[in-house]
Amino acid sequence: MSLLIVYVALVITGDFVAYFIGLVIERTVPIASLPAFLAMYFLFLWVAWVIAVRATQPRVRPQ
């Protein structure tokens, strides 16, 4: 359950970052904002999953 919570939190954070970067791109090069946003959106989905899995994996105790 904690994996899902961490993943959703990271995806929401990544979506906000992609949105604001997309706004900046839209003001400078309007035609590039949609492809840039979509690329960042799908990149953040993958990055959030990798970070969430690594952050929630059980710790191994040294013996």
N, C-alpha and C. Protein backbone atom coordinates (compact mmCIF):
# COMPACT_ATOMS: atom_id res chain seq x y z
N MET A 1 0.82 -1.20 0.00
CA MET A 1 0.00 0.00 0.00
C MET A 1 0.87 1.26 0.00
N SER A 2 1.99 1.20 0.70
CA SER A 2 2.85 2.38 0.75
C SER A 2 3.46 2.68 -0.62
N LEU A 3 3.70 1.64 -1.42
CA LEU A 3 4.22 1.85 -2.77
C LEU A 3 3.25 2.69 -3.59
N LEU A 4 1.99 2.37 -3.50
CA LEU A 4 0.97 3.10 -4.26
C LEU A 4 0.87 4.55 -3.80
N ILE A 5 0.92 4.78 -2.51
CA ILE A 5 0.83 6.14 -1.97
C ILE A 5 2.03 6.98 -2.41
N VAL A 6 3.22 6.41 -2.31
CA VAL A 6 4.42 7.13 -2.73
C VAL A 6 4.37 7.40 -4.23
N TYR A 7 3.94 6.42 -5.01
CA TYR A 7 3.87 6.60 -6.46
C TYR A 7 2.89 7.71 -6.84
N VAL A 8 1.71 7.70 -6.25
CA VAL A 8 0.71 8.72 -6.58
C VAL A 8 1.22 10.11 -6.18
N ALA A 9 1.86 10.21 -5.02
CA ALA A 9 2.39 11.50 -4.59
C ALA A 9 3.47 12.00 -5.56
N LEU A 10 4.33 11.11 -6.00
CA LEU A 10 5.37 11.51 -6.95
C LEU A 10 4.80 11.87 -8.31
N VAL A 11 3.77 11.15 -8.76
CA VAL A 11 3.14 11.46 -10.05
C VAL A 11 2.47 12.83 -9.99
N ILE A 12 1.78 13.12 -8.90
CA ILE A 12 1.12 14.43 -8.77
C ILE A 12 2.16 15.54 -8.78
N THR A 13 3.25 15.34 -8.06
CA THR A 13 4.33 16.33 -8.05
C THR A 13 4.93 16.51 -9.45
N GLY A 14 5.18 15.40 -10.12
CA GLY A 14 5.72 15.47 -11.47
C GLY A 14 4.77 16.13 -12.45
N ASP A 15 3.47 15.91 -12.28
CA ASP A 15 2.48 16.55 -13.15
C ASP A 15 2.51 18.07 -13.00
N PHE A 16 2.61 18.53 -11.76
CA PHE A 16 2.70 19.98 -11.55
C PHE A 16 3.97 20.55 -12.18
N VAL A 17 5.07 19.85 -12.02
CA VAL A 17 6.33 20.31 -12.63
C VAL A 17 6.20 20.36 -14.15
N ALA A 18 5.64 19.30 -14.74
CA ALA A 18 5.46 19.27 -16.20
C ALA A 18 4.52 20.37 -16.66
N TYR A 19 3.48 20.63 -15.88
CA TYR A 19 2.52 21.68 -16.23
C TYR A 19 3.18 23.05 -16.26
N PHE A 20 3.95 23.36 -15.21
CA PHE A 20 4.57 24.69 -15.14
C PHE A 20 5.69 24.85 -16.18
N ILE A 21 6.43 23.79 -16.43
CA ILE A 21 7.44 23.86 -17.49
C ILE A 21 6.74 24.02 -18.84
N GLY A 22 5.61 23.34 -19.03
CA GLY A 22 4.83 23.50 -20.25
C GLY A 22 4.33 24.91 -20.44
N LEU A 23 3.93 25.56 -19.35
CA LEU A 23 3.50 26.96 -19.44
C LEU A 23 4.64 27.87 -19.89
N VAL A 24 5.82 27.64 -19.35
CA VAL A 24 6.98 28.45 -19.74
C VAL A 24 7.29 28.23 -21.22
N ILE A 25 7.25 26.98 -21.64
CA ILE A 25 7.52 26.69 -23.06
C ILE A 25 6.46 27.31 -23.95
N GLU A 26 5.20 27.29 -23.50
CA GLU A 26 4.12 27.85 -24.30
C GLU A 26 4.28 29.35 -24.53
N ARG A 27 4.83 30.03 -23.56
CA ARG A 27 5.01 31.48 -23.71
C ARG A 27 6.17 31.82 -24.65
N THR A 28 7.12 30.90 -24.80
CA THR A 28 8.25 31.18 -25.68
C THR A 28 8.06 30.55 -27.06
N VAL A 29 7.67 29.27 -27.10
CA VAL A 29 7.47 28.56 -28.38
C VAL A 29 6.15 27.80 -28.28
N PRO A 30 5.03 28.45 -28.61
CA PRO A 30 3.71 27.84 -28.39
C PRO A 30 3.51 26.48 -29.05
N ILE A 31 4.07 26.28 -30.21
CA ILE A 31 3.81 25.02 -30.92
C ILE A 31 4.52 23.83 -30.26
N ALA A 32 5.54 24.09 -29.47
CA ALA A 32 6.30 23.02 -28.85
C ALA A 32 5.78 22.64 -27.47
N SER A 33 4.81 23.36 -26.95
CA SER A 33 4.38 23.12 -25.57
C SER A 33 3.70 21.77 -25.39
N LEU A 34 2.83 21.37 -26.31
CA LEU A 34 2.13 20.09 -26.17
C LEU A 34 3.07 18.90 -26.28
N PRO A 35 3.92 18.81 -27.30
CA PRO A 35 4.86 17.68 -27.33
C PRO A 35 5.79 17.64 -26.12
N ALA A 36 6.23 18.80 -25.68
CA ALA A 36 7.12 18.84 -24.52
C ALA A 36 6.39 18.38 -23.26
N PHE A 37 5.15 18.83 -23.08
CA PHE A 37 4.38 18.42 -21.91
C PHE A 37 4.13 16.92 -21.93
N LEU A 38 3.74 16.38 -23.07
CA LEU A 38 3.46 14.94 -23.15
C LEU A 38 4.72 14.12 -22.90
N ALA A 39 5.84 14.56 -23.43
CA ALA A 39 7.09 13.85 -23.19
C ALA A 39 7.45 13.87 -21.71
N MET A 40 7.32 15.03 -21.07
CA MET A 40 7.63 15.13 -19.64
C MET A 40 6.64 14.32 -18.81
N TYR A 41 5.37 14.32 -19.21
CA TYR A 41 4.34 13.58 -18.47
C TYR A 41 4.68 12.09 -18.42
N PHE A 42 4.96 11.51 -19.58
CA PHE A 42 5.27 10.08 -19.61
C PHE A 42 6.62 9.78 -18.99
N LEU A 43 7.57 10.69 -19.10
CA LEU A 43 8.85 10.51 -18.43
C LEU A 43 8.67 10.51 -16.91
N PHE A 44 7.86 11.43 -16.41
CA PHE A 44 7.62 11.49 -14.97
C PHE A 44 6.87 10.26 -14.46
N LEU A 45 6.01 9.67 -15.27
CA LEU A 45 5.35 8.42 -14.86
C LEU A 45 6.38 7.33 -14.61
N TRP A 46 7.33 7.20 -15.53
CA TRP A 46 8.36 6.18 -15.39
C TRP A 46 9.31 6.49 -14.23
N VAL A 47 9.76 7.74 -14.15
CA VAL A 47 10.69 8.13 -13.08
C VAL A 47 10.03 7.97 -11.71
N ALA A 48 8.77 8.34 -11.60
CA ALA A 48 8.06 8.20 -10.32
C ALA A 48 7.97 6.74 -9.91
N TRP A 49 7.75 5.85 -10.87
CA TRP A 49 7.67 4.42 -10.55
C TRP A 49 9.01 3.90 -10.05
N VAL A 50 10.08 4.26 -10.73
CA VAL A 50 11.41 3.80 -10.32
C VAL A 50 11.76 4.32 -8.93
N ILE A 51 11.50 5.58 -8.67
CA ILE A 51 11.79 6.15 -7.35
C ILE A 51 10.92 5.52 -6.27
N ALA A 52 9.64 5.32 -6.56
CA ALA A 52 8.73 4.73 -5.57
C ALA A 52 9.13 3.31 -5.22
N VAL A 53 9.52 2.53 -6.21
CA VAL A 53 9.94 1.15 -5.94
C VAL A 53 11.21 1.13 -5.09
N ARG A 54 12.15 1.98 -5.43
CA ARG A 54 13.40 2.01 -4.65
C ARG A 54 13.19 2.56 -3.25
N ALA A 55 12.27 3.50 -3.10
CA ALA A 55 12.04 4.10 -1.78
C ALA A 55 11.28 3.18 -0.85
N THR A 56 10.48 2.28 -1.39
CA THR A 56 9.64 1.43 -0.54
C THR A 56 10.11 -0.01 -0.45
N GLN A 57 11.22 -0.34 -1.08
CA GLN A 57 11.67 -1.73 -0.99
C GLN A 57 12.17 -2.00 0.43
N PRO A 58 11.95 -3.23 0.91
CA PRO A 58 12.37 -3.55 2.29
C PRO A 58 13.88 -3.46 2.45
N ARG A 59 14.28 -2.99 3.60
CA ARG A 59 15.70 -2.88 3.90
C ARG A 59 16.22 -4.25 4.37
N VAL A 60 17.41 -4.58 3.94
CA VAL A 60 18.02 -5.85 4.34
C VAL A 60 18.94 -5.56 5.52
N ARG A 61 18.74 -6.32 6.59
CA ARG A 61 19.58 -6.14 7.78
C ARG A 61 20.88 -6.92 7.62
N PRO A 62 22.00 -6.28 7.91
CA PRO A 62 23.26 -7.04 7.89
C PRO A 62 23.32 -7.99 9.08
N GLN A 63 23.88 -9.16 8.86
CA GLN A 63 23.90 -10.15 9.95
C GLN A 63 25.22 -10.23 10.63
